[in-house]
Protein backbone atom coordinates (compact mmCIF):
# COMPACT_ATOMS: atom_id res chain seq x y z
CA MET A 1 153.41 103.55 129.78
CA GLU A 2 150.41 105.26 128.15
CA PRO A 3 146.88 104.55 129.41
CA PRO A 4 144.75 102.51 127.00
CA VAL A 5 142.59 104.46 124.59
CA VAL A 6 138.89 103.74 124.92
CA VAL A 7 137.24 103.40 121.53
CA VAL A 8 133.48 103.91 121.50
CA PRO A 9 131.84 102.93 118.22
CA LYS A 10 129.53 105.51 116.70
CA ARG A 11 125.90 104.60 116.91
CA VAL A 12 124.62 104.16 113.41
CA GLN A 13 121.17 105.57 112.85
CA GLU A 14 118.83 102.83 111.74
CA GLU A 15 117.34 103.38 108.32
CA GLU A 16 113.60 103.06 108.02
CA VAL A 17 112.71 100.07 105.92
CA ASP A 18 109.74 100.51 103.63
CA ASP A 19 107.68 97.40 104.28
CA GLY A 20 105.04 98.55 101.79
CA LYS A 21 102.47 99.18 104.50
CA LYS A 22 100.66 102.48 104.86
CA LYS A 23 98.64 103.80 107.77
CA VAL A 24 95.06 104.53 106.80
CA MET A 25 92.25 106.09 108.82
CA VAL A 26 88.68 105.25 107.91
CA PHE A 27 86.10 107.91 108.71
CA PHE A 28 82.39 107.37 108.41
CA GLY A 29 79.20 109.20 109.12
CA THR A 30 75.98 107.32 109.70
CA GLN A 31 72.45 107.66 110.96
CA THR A 32 71.41 104.05 110.54
CA GLY A 33 74.67 102.22 111.25
CA THR A 34 75.20 101.04 107.67
CA ALA A 35 78.30 103.19 107.12
CA GLU A 36 79.80 102.02 110.40
CA GLY A 37 79.46 98.39 109.35
CA PHE A 38 80.93 99.17 105.94
CA GLY A 39 83.85 101.03 107.54
CA LYS A 40 84.62 98.15 109.88
CA ALA A 41 84.47 95.66 107.00
CA LEU A 42 86.81 97.88 104.98
CA VAL A 43 89.32 98.02 107.84
CA GLU A 44 89.28 94.22 108.16
CA GLU A 45 89.91 93.83 104.43
CA MET A 46 92.90 96.17 104.59
């Protein structure tokens, strides 16, 4: 009698799904704080 053959399925690499989202960094420079507020508002809108 032959020993049973162990079959190990190949691990299929998961494809990246494009969900339409992009990573964005918002940089700002400010002396009065106005640009910081605008940058934060922009991030919230995105």
